[in-house]
Amino acid sequence: MSDTSDLYFRQEAVGEMANFAYAIGSRSTREAVLVDPAWNVGALIDRAEGDGMTITGALITHYHPDHIGGELFGHSIEGLPQLLERCPVPLHTHRDEAHGVRQVTGVSANDLRTHEGGDTLQLGALTIRFLHTPGHTPGSQCFLVEEAGRPVSLVSGDTLFLGSCGRVDLPGSDPEAMYQSLSGTLRQLPDETLLYPGHLYSTDPHSTMGEQKRSNPFLRVTTLEQFLTFMGIG
């Protein structure tokens, strides 16, 4: 980012499943939101507060415990409840994901702010646009950060990885919806948009949409049949 940008942005490696969590904020207002706060929530808050930021919310890409906390394979993962203990802030989720978020973490309906695709959240000069990208889960969403009306970066959760995409063989997954999310939504973003995934499943922690359009086979396919073949379904 340039010295004149209002964007505050941190990518944090967390936990035992190669997860990423993020802090996105406004330098001018000193407000920040955490994306998928899990595993070591206190450290995520401490780092943002150490940079002079105030946590004003959390953005949820989807309801799986490695991203928001809960029980997984017999282990208890920190997440949204621990965030609320220190920072009683709204938790922004897609409406189709709200039930799963509550069931997995135990947070209440009053803690949640439910959204539709296309909703936005304003932080200073920044706009965070909520993109509904079903496929991995019904309410999966990505977060497009815009400044001065221009897309800057995309936090893609488990929808799009570097060189691959999210699984579609889990309960609630939908291969056809994933194809539409990738080809009809994410592939339409400008090439210069920086891409930040939900897991480190590659040698690099981030890329650009242009590079992924050129190299990621799941963005290069042009038909649903090709996509399903790549997923081992067709």
C-alpha atoms as a PDB file:
ATOM      1  CA  MET A   1       0.000   0.000   0.000  1.00  0.00           C
ATOM      2  CA  SER A   2       1.149   3.572  -0.610  1.00  0.00           C
ATOM      3  CA  ASP A   3       1.954   6.070   2.118  1.00  0.00           C
ATOM      4  CA  THR A   4      -1.218   7.967   1.206  1.00  0.00           C
ATOM      5  CA  SER A   5      -3.503   4.947   1.507  1.00  0.00           C
ATOM      6  CA  ASP A   6      -5.952   4.778   4.395  1.00  0.00           C
ATOM      7  CA  LEU A   7      -5.677   0.987   4.468  1.00  0.00           C
ATOM      8  CA  TYR A   8      -4.359  -0.835   7.525  1.00  0.00           C
ATOM      9  CA  PHE A   9      -3.894  -4.532   6.726  1.00  0.00           C
ATOM     10  CA  ARG A  10      -2.332  -7.489   8.527  1.00  0.00           C
ATOM     11  CA  GLN A  11      -2.188 -11.121   7.428  1.00  0.00           C
ATOM     12  CA  GLU A  12      -1.621 -13.475  10.376  1.00  0.00           C
ATOM     13  CA  ALA A  13      -0.752 -17.181  10.236  1.00  0.00           C
ATOM     14  CA  VAL A  14      -2.697 -18.937  13.000  1.00  0.00           C
ATOM     15  CA  GLY A  15      -3.286 -22.424  14.347  1.00  0.00           C
ATOM     16  CA  GLU A  16      -2.414 -25.933  13.309  1.00  0.00           C
ATOM     17  CA  MET A  17      -4.258 -26.104   9.976  1.00  0.00           C
ATOM     18  CA  ALA A  18      -2.305 -23.422   8.082  1.00  0.00           C
ATOM     19  CA  ASN A  19      -5.074 -20.871   8.605  1.00  0.00           C
ATOM     20  CA  PHE A  20      -4.840 -17.154   7.974  1.00  0.00           C
ATOM     21  CA  ALA A  21      -6.654 -14.496   9.983  1.00  0.00           C
ATOM     22  CA  TYR A  22      -6.690 -10.843   8.975  1.00  0.00           C
ATOM     23  CA  ALA A  23      -7.014  -7.374  10.401  1.00  0.00           C
ATOM     24  CA  ILE A  24      -8.404  -4.727   8.068  1.00  0.00           C
ATOM     25  CA  GLY A  25      -8.765  -1.134   9.155  1.00  0.00           C
ATOM     26  CA  SER A  26      -8.638   2.587   8.515  1.00  0.00           C
ATOM     27  CA  ARG A  27      -5.496   4.495   9.393  1.00  0.00           C
ATOM     28  CA  SER A  28      -7.468   7.701   9.728  1.00  0.00           C
ATOM     29  CA  THR A  29     -10.195   6.463  12.079  1.00  0.00           C
ATOM     30  CA  ARG A  30      -8.044   3.779  13.785  1.00  0.00           C
ATOM     31  CA  GLU A  31     -10.917   1.297  13.464  1.00  0.00           C
ATOM     32  CA  ALA A  32     -10.285  -2.294  12.397  1.00  0.00           C
ATOM     33  CA  VAL A  33     -12.184  -5.533  11.895  1.00  0.00           C
ATOM     34  CA  LEU A  34     -10.778  -9.034  12.298  1.00  0.00           C
ATOM     35  CA  VAL A  35     -11.470 -11.620   9.608  1.00  0.00           C
ATOM     36  CA  ASP A  36     -11.941 -15.203  10.834  1.00  0.00           C
ATOM     37  CA  PRO A  37     -10.429 -14.656  14.305  1.00  0.00           C
ATOM     38  CA  ALA A  38      -9.513 -18.107  15.646  1.00  0.00           C
ATOM     39  CA  TRP A  39      -6.823 -20.193  17.372  1.00  0.00           C
ATOM     40  CA  ASN A  40      -5.000 -17.361  19.209  1.00  0.00           C
ATOM     41  CA  VAL A  41      -7.568 -14.611  19.427  1.00  0.00           C
ATOM     42  CA  GLY A  42      -5.812 -12.669  22.160  1.00  0.00           C
ATOM     43  CA  ALA A  43      -2.681 -12.313  20.066  1.00  0.00           C
ATOM     44  CA  LEU A  44      -4.694 -11.041  17.093  1.00  0.00           C
ATOM     45  CA  ILE A  45      -6.323  -8.389  19.260  1.00  0.00           C
ATOM     46  CA  ASP A  46      -3.024  -7.460  20.926  1.00  0.00           C
ATOM     47  CA  ARG A  47      -1.254  -6.940  17.604  1.00  0.00           C
ATOM     48  CA  ALA A  48      -3.982  -4.705  16.234  1.00  0.00           C
ATOM     49  CA  GLU A  49      -4.233  -2.723  19.460  1.00  0.00           C
ATOM     50  CA  GLY A  50      -0.453  -2.485  19.536  1.00  0.00           C
ATOM     51  CA  ASP A  51      -0.695  -0.740  16.172  1.00  0.00           C
ATOM     52  CA  GLY A  52      -3.106   1.771  17.695  1.00  0.00           C
ATOM     53  CA  MET A  53      -6.246   0.191  16.220  1.00  0.00           C
ATOM     54  CA  THR A  54      -9.588  -0.374  17.945  1.00  0.00           C
ATOM     55  CA  ILE A  55     -11.427  -3.587  17.046  1.00  0.00           C
ATOM     56  CA  THR A  56     -14.956  -2.674  15.942  1.00  0.00           C
ATOM     57  CA  GLY A  57     -16.173  -5.949  14.428  1.00  0.00           C
ATOM     58  CA  ALA A  58     -15.402  -9.368  13.001  1.00  0.00           C
ATOM     59  CA  LEU A  59     -16.014 -10.621   9.476  1.00  0.00           C
ATOM     60  CA  ILE A  60     -16.824 -14.308   9.029  1.00  0.00           C
ATOM     61  CA  THR A  61     -16.038 -16.055   5.752  1.00  0.00           C
ATOM     62  CA  HIS A  62     -17.853 -19.260   6.774  1.00  0.00           C
ATOM     63  CA  TYR A  63     -18.832 -21.304   9.802  1.00  0.00           C
ATOM     64  CA  HIS A  64     -16.157 -24.009   9.962  1.00  0.00           C
ATOM     65  CA  PRO A  65     -14.478 -24.204  13.407  1.00  0.00           C
ATOM     66  CA  ASP A  66     -10.927 -23.664  12.149  1.00  0.00           C
ATOM     67  CA  HIS A  67     -12.048 -20.173  11.083  1.00  0.00           C
ATOM     68  CA  ILE A  68     -14.312 -19.087  13.951  1.00  0.00           C
ATOM     69  CA  GLY A  69     -13.644 -21.496  16.816  1.00  0.00           C
ATOM     70  CA  GLY A  70     -15.440 -24.528  18.214  1.00  0.00           C
ATOM     71  CA  GLU A  71     -14.893 -28.259  18.463  1.00  0.00           C
ATOM     72  CA  LEU A  72     -12.972 -29.978  15.679  1.00  0.00           C
ATOM     73  CA  PHE A  73     -11.538 -33.506  15.715  1.00  0.00           C
ATOM     74  CA  GLY A  74     -11.764 -33.578  19.500  1.00  0.00           C
ATOM     75  CA  HIS A  75      -9.964 -30.261  19.967  1.00  0.00           C
ATOM     76  CA  SER A  76     -11.385 -26.986  21.235  1.00  0.00           C
ATOM     77  CA  ILE A  77     -10.369 -24.026  19.076  1.00  0.00           C
ATOM     78  CA  GLU A  78     -10.534 -20.439  20.301  1.00  0.00           C
ATOM     79  CA  GLY A  79     -12.697 -18.131  18.262  1.00  0.00           C
ATOM     80  CA  LEU A  80     -15.654 -15.806  18.397  1.00  0.00           C
ATOM     81  CA  PRO A  81     -16.582 -16.363  22.076  1.00  0.00           C
ATOM     82  CA  GLN A  82     -13.069 -15.365  23.157  1.00  0.00           C
ATOM     83  CA  LEU A  83     -13.227 -12.315  20.889  1.00  0.00           C
ATOM     84  CA  LEU A  84     -16.511 -11.206  22.464  1.00  0.00           C
ATOM     85  CA  GLU A  85     -15.079 -11.578  25.961  1.00  0.00           C
ATOM     86  CA  ARG A  86     -12.537  -8.848  25.204  1.00  0.00           C
ATOM     87  CA  CYS A  87     -14.299  -6.926  22.451  1.00  0.00           C
ATOM     88  CA  PRO A  88     -18.120  -7.093  22.451  1.00  0.00           C
ATOM     89  CA  VAL A  89     -18.404  -6.227  18.762  1.00  0.00           C
ATOM     90  CA  PRO A  90     -20.830  -7.231  15.977  1.00  0.00           C
ATOM     91  CA  LEU A  91     -20.050 -10.402  14.046  1.00  0.00           C
ATOM     92  CA  HIS A  92     -20.763 -10.015  10.338  1.00  0.00           C
ATOM     93  CA  THR A  93     -21.891 -13.185   8.557  1.00  0.00           C
ATOM     94  CA  HIS A  94     -23.947 -14.075   5.517  1.00  0.00           C
ATOM     95  CA  ARG A  95     -27.554 -14.845   6.426  1.00  0.00           C
ATOM     96  CA  ASP A  96     -27.228 -18.418   5.100  1.00  0.00           C
ATOM     97  CA  GLU A  97     -24.338 -19.009   7.509  1.00  0.00           C
ATOM     98  CA  ALA A  98     -25.897 -17.564  10.672  1.00  0.00           C
ATOM     99  CA  HIS A  99     -27.346 -20.839  11.970  1.00  0.00           C
ATOM    100  CA  GLY A 100     -24.059 -22.663  11.487  1.00  0.00           C
ATOM    101  CA  VAL A 101     -22.084 -19.906  13.206  1.00  0.00           C
ATOM    102  CA  ARG A 102     -24.374 -20.041  16.242  1.00  0.00           C
ATOM    103  CA  GLN A 103     -24.364 -23.836  16.368  1.00  0.00           C
ATOM    104  CA  VAL A 104     -20.575 -24.149  16.122  1.00  0.00           C
ATOM    105  CA  THR A 105     -19.563 -21.329  18.484  1.00  0.00           C
ATOM    106  CA  GLY A 106     -22.518 -20.805  20.805  1.00  0.00           C
ATOM    107  CA  VAL A 107     -22.749 -17.068  20.108  1.00  0.00           C
ATOM    108  CA  SER A 108     -26.232 -15.566  20.207  1.00  0.00           C
ATOM    109  CA  ALA A 109     -28.366 -14.181  17.411  1.00  0.00           C
ATOM    110  CA  ASN A 110     -27.940 -10.737  18.979  1.00  0.00           C
ATOM    111  CA  ASP A 111     -24.186 -10.979  18.394  1.00  0.00           C
ATOM    112  CA  LEU A 112     -24.641 -11.455  14.654  1.00  0.00           C
ATOM    113  CA  ARG A 113     -25.188  -8.978  11.849  1.00  0.00           C
ATOM    114  CA  THR A 114     -26.463 -10.924   8.856  1.00  0.00           C
ATOM    115  CA  HIS A 115     -25.769  -9.818   5.306  1.00  0.00           C
ATOM    116  CA  GLU A 116     -26.650 -10.417   1.681  1.00  0.00           C
ATOM    117  CA  GLY A 117     -24.162 -10.386  -1.157  1.00  0.00           C
ATOM    118  CA  GLY A 118     -23.391  -6.797  -2.157  1.00  0.00           C
ATOM    119  CA  ASP A 119     -23.704  -5.326   1.339  1.00  0.00           C
ATOM    120  CA  THR A 120     -20.902  -3.010   2.412  1.00  0.00           C
ATOM    121  CA  LEU A 121     -19.136  -1.895   5.569  1.00  0.00           C
ATOM    122  CA  GLN A 122     -17.444   1.506   5.718  1.00  0.00           C
ATOM    123  CA  LEU A 123     -14.162   2.048   7.588  1.00  0.00           C
ATOM    124  CA  GLY A 124     -12.839   5.563   7.066  1.00  0.00           C
ATOM    125  CA  ALA A 125     -12.057   5.953   3.372  1.00  0.00           C
ATOM    126  CA  LEU A 126     -12.374   2.196   2.836  1.00  0.00           C
ATOM    127  CA  THR A 127     -15.366   0.187   1.689  1.00  0.00           C
ATOM    128  CA  ILE A 128     -15.490  -3.530   2.447  1.00  0.00           C
ATOM    129  CA  ARG A 129     -17.863  -5.224   0.013  1.00  0.00           C
ATOM    130  CA  PHE A 130     -19.421  -8.550   0.959  1.00  0.00           C
ATOM    131  CA  LEU A 131     -19.347 -11.014  -1.959  1.00  0.00           C
ATOM    132  CA  HIS A 132     -21.593 -14.063  -1.559  1.00  0.00           C
ATOM    133  CA  THR A 133     -19.563 -16.989  -2.907  1.00  0.00           C
ATOM    134  CA  PRO A 134     -21.398 -20.230  -2.079  1.00  0.00           C
ATOM    135  CA  GLY A 135     -19.869 -23.584  -2.882  1.00  0.00           C
ATOM    136  CA  HIS A 136     -17.663 -24.533   0.050  1.00  0.00           C
ATOM    137  CA  THR A 137     -20.619 -23.713   2.325  1.00  0.00           C
ATOM    138  CA  PRO A 138     -23.996 -22.157   1.454  1.00  0.00           C
ATOM    139  CA  GLY A 139     -23.156 -18.799   3.026  1.00  0.00           C
ATOM    140  CA  SER A 140     -19.470 -18.524   2.219  1.00  0.00           C
ATOM    141  CA  GLN A 141     -18.466 -14.947   1.556  1.00  0.00           C
ATOM    142  CA  CYS A 142     -15.356 -13.104   0.434  1.00  0.00           C
ATOM    143  CA  PHE A 143     -14.446  -9.554   1.389  1.00  0.00           C
ATOM    144  CA  LEU A 144     -13.416  -7.081  -1.287  1.00  0.00           C
ATOM    145  CA  VAL A 145     -11.583  -4.044   0.083  1.00  0.00           C
ATOM    146  CA  GLU A 146     -12.082  -0.914  -2.021  1.00  0.00           C
ATOM    147  CA  GLU A 147     -10.460   2.491  -1.723  1.00  0.00           C
ATOM    148  CA  ALA A 148     -11.408   5.526  -3.791  1.00  0.00           C
ATOM    149  CA  GLY A 149     -13.846   3.315  -5.688  1.00  0.00           C
ATOM    150  CA  ARG A 150     -11.105   0.887  -6.764  1.00  0.00           C
ATOM    151  CA  PRO A 151     -10.754  -2.758  -5.647  1.00  0.00           C
ATOM    152  CA  VAL A 152      -7.536  -3.177  -3.687  1.00  0.00           C
ATOM    153  CA  SER A 153      -7.576  -6.613  -2.108  1.00  0.00           C
ATOM    154  CA  LEU A 154      -9.755  -9.693  -1.722  1.00  0.00           C
ATOM    155  CA  VAL A 155      -9.862 -11.900   1.366  1.00  0.00           C
ATOM    156  CA  SER A 156     -11.218 -15.124  -0.083  1.00  0.00           C
ATOM    157  CA  GLY A 157     -11.596 -17.521   2.860  1.00  0.00           C
ATOM    158  CA  ASP A 158     -11.988 -21.111   1.673  1.00  0.00           C
ATOM    159  CA  THR A 159     -13.500 -20.170  -1.685  1.00  0.00           C
ATOM    160  CA  LEU A 160     -10.302 -19.450  -3.607  1.00  0.00           C
ATOM    161  CA  PHE A 161      -6.759 -20.511  -2.752  1.00  0.00           C
ATOM    162  CA  LEU A 162      -3.542 -19.901  -4.622  1.00  0.00           C
ATOM    163  CA  GLY A 163      -3.589 -22.576  -7.317  1.00  0.00           C
ATOM    164  CA  SER A 164      -6.770 -24.264  -6.118  1.00  0.00           C
ATOM    165  CA  CYS A 165     -10.191 -23.700  -4.554  1.00  0.00           C
ATOM    166  CA  GLY A 166     -12.173 -24.863  -1.557  1.00  0.00           C
ATOM    167  CA  ARG A 167     -13.477 -28.379  -1.041  1.00  0.00           C
ATOM    168  CA  VAL A 168     -16.942 -29.224  -2.337  1.00  0.00           C
ATOM    169  CA  ASP A 169     -17.321 -32.685  -0.775  1.00  0.00           C
ATOM    170  CA  LEU A 170     -18.351 -31.539   2.705  1.00  0.00           C
ATOM    171  CA  PRO A 171     -21.878 -31.207   4.166  1.00  0.00           C
ATOM    172  CA  GLY A 172     -23.487 -28.135   2.624  1.00  0.00           C
ATOM    173  CA  SER A 173     -20.997 -27.939  -0.233  1.00  0.00           C
ATOM    174  CA  ASP A 174     -22.223 -27.433  -3.804  1.00  0.00           C
ATOM    175  CA  PRO A 175     -19.845 -27.962  -6.772  1.00  0.00           C
ATOM    176  CA  GLU A 176     -22.055 -26.099  -9.241  1.00  0.00           C
ATOM    177  CA  ALA A 177     -22.369 -23.122  -6.885  1.00  0.00           C
ATOM    178  CA  MET A 178     -18.583 -23.100  -6.450  1.00  0.00           C
ATOM    179  CA  TYR A 179     -18.105 -22.950 -10.217  1.00  0.00           C
ATOM    180  CA  GLN A 180     -20.472 -19.992 -10.459  1.00  0.00           C
ATOM    181  CA  SER A 181     -18.760 -18.222  -7.552  1.00  0.00           C
ATOM    182  CA  LEU A 182     -15.353 -18.614  -9.161  1.00  0.00           C
ATOM    183  CA  SER A 183     -16.224 -17.912 -12.786  1.00  0.00           C
ATOM    184  CA  GLY A 184     -19.158 -15.565 -12.366  1.00  0.00           C
ATOM    185  CA  THR A 185     -17.970 -13.513  -9.386  1.00  0.00           C
ATOM    186  CA  LEU A 186     -14.285 -13.737  -8.521  1.00  0.00           C
ATOM    187  CA  ARG A 187     -12.958 -14.102 -12.061  1.00  0.00           C
ATOM    188  CA  GLN A 188     -14.595 -10.760 -12.894  1.00  0.00           C
ATOM    189  CA  LEU A 189     -12.410  -8.830 -10.440  1.00  0.00           C
ATOM    190  CA  PRO A 190      -9.589  -6.669 -11.847  1.00  0.00           C
ATOM    191  CA  ASP A 191      -6.276  -8.421 -12.418  1.00  0.00           C
ATOM    192  CA  GLU A 192      -4.400  -6.093 -10.057  1.00  0.00           C
ATOM    193  CA  THR A 193      -6.589  -7.044  -7.074  1.00  0.00           C
ATOM    194  CA  LEU A 194      -4.414  -8.615  -4.381  1.00  0.00           C
ATOM    195  CA  LEU A 195      -5.608 -12.054  -3.276  1.00  0.00           C
ATOM    196  CA  TYR A 196      -5.368 -13.222   0.340  1.00  0.00           C
ATOM    197  CA  PRO A 197      -6.669 -16.770   0.999  1.00  0.00           C
ATOM    198  CA  GLY A 198      -7.957 -18.475   4.142  1.00  0.00           C
ATOM    199  CA  HIS A 199      -5.113 -21.023   4.258  1.00  0.00           C
ATOM    200  CA  LEU A 200      -1.452 -21.228   3.301  1.00  0.00           C
ATOM    201  CA  TYR A 201      -1.749 -24.062   0.801  1.00  0.00           C
ATOM    202  CA  SER A 202       1.054 -22.788  -1.461  1.00  0.00           C
ATOM    203  CA  THR A 203       4.573 -21.446  -1.173  1.00  0.00           C
ATOM    204  CA  ASP A 204       3.395 -17.830  -1.293  1.00  0.00           C
ATOM    205  CA  PRO A 205       0.979 -16.241   1.199  1.00  0.00           C
ATOM    206  CA  HIS A 206      -0.735 -14.017  -1.371  1.00  0.00           C
ATOM    207  CA  SER A 207      -1.054 -13.416  -5.105  1.00  0.00           C
ATOM    208  CA  THR A 208      -3.029 -11.292  -7.550  1.00  0.00           C
ATOM    209  CA  MET A 209      -6.240 -12.127  -9.321  1.00  0.00           C
ATOM    210  CA  GLY A 210      -4.448 -11.708 -12.640  1.00  0.00           C
ATOM    211  CA  GLU A 211      -1.841 -14.310 -11.744  1.00  0.00           C
ATOM    212  CA  GLN A 212      -4.526 -16.720 -10.548  1.00  0.00           C
ATOM    213  CA  LYS A 213      -6.552 -16.265 -13.729  1.00  0.00           C
ATOM    214  CA  ARG A 214      -3.447 -17.285 -15.670  1.00  0.00           C
ATOM    215  CA  SER A 215      -2.253 -20.160 -13.474  1.00  0.00           C
ATOM    216  CA  ASN A 216      -5.093 -21.511 -11.326  1.00  0.00           C
ATOM    217  CA  PRO A 217      -6.831 -24.344 -13.222  1.00  0.00           C
ATOM    218  CA  PHE A 218     -10.092 -23.776 -11.332  1.00  0.00           C
ATOM    219  CA  LEU A 219     -10.255 -20.221 -12.681  1.00  0.00           C
ATOM    220  CA  ARG A 220      -9.098 -21.212 -16.169  1.00  0.00           C
ATOM    221  CA  VAL A 221     -11.897 -23.675 -16.895  1.00  0.00           C
ATOM    222  CA  THR A 222     -14.623 -22.324 -19.165  1.00  0.00           C
ATOM    223  CA  THR A 223     -17.446 -24.802 -18.587  1.00  0.00           C
ATOM    224  CA  LEU A 224     -19.121 -26.451 -15.620  1.00  0.00           C
ATOM    225  CA  GLU A 225     -18.308 -29.853 -17.105  1.00  0.00           C
ATOM    226  CA  GLN A 226     -14.587 -29.050 -17.107  1.00  0.00           C
ATOM    227  CA  PHE A 227     -14.787 -27.815 -13.550  1.00  0.00           C
ATOM    228  CA  LEU A 228     -16.536 -30.946 -12.321  1.00  0.00           C
ATOM    229  CA  THR A 229     -13.935 -33.084 -14.074  1.00  0.00           C
ATOM    230  CA  PHE A 230     -11.158 -31.164 -12.315  1.00  0.00           C
ATOM    231  CA  MET A 231     -12.942 -31.744  -9.008  1.00  0.00           C
ATOM    232  CA  GLY A 232     -13.125 -35.456  -9.740  1.00  0.00           C
ATOM    233  CA  ILE A 233     -16.899 -35.360 -10.027  1.00  0.00           C
ATOM    234  CA  GLY A 234     -17.569 -35.377 -13.765  1.00  0.00           C
END
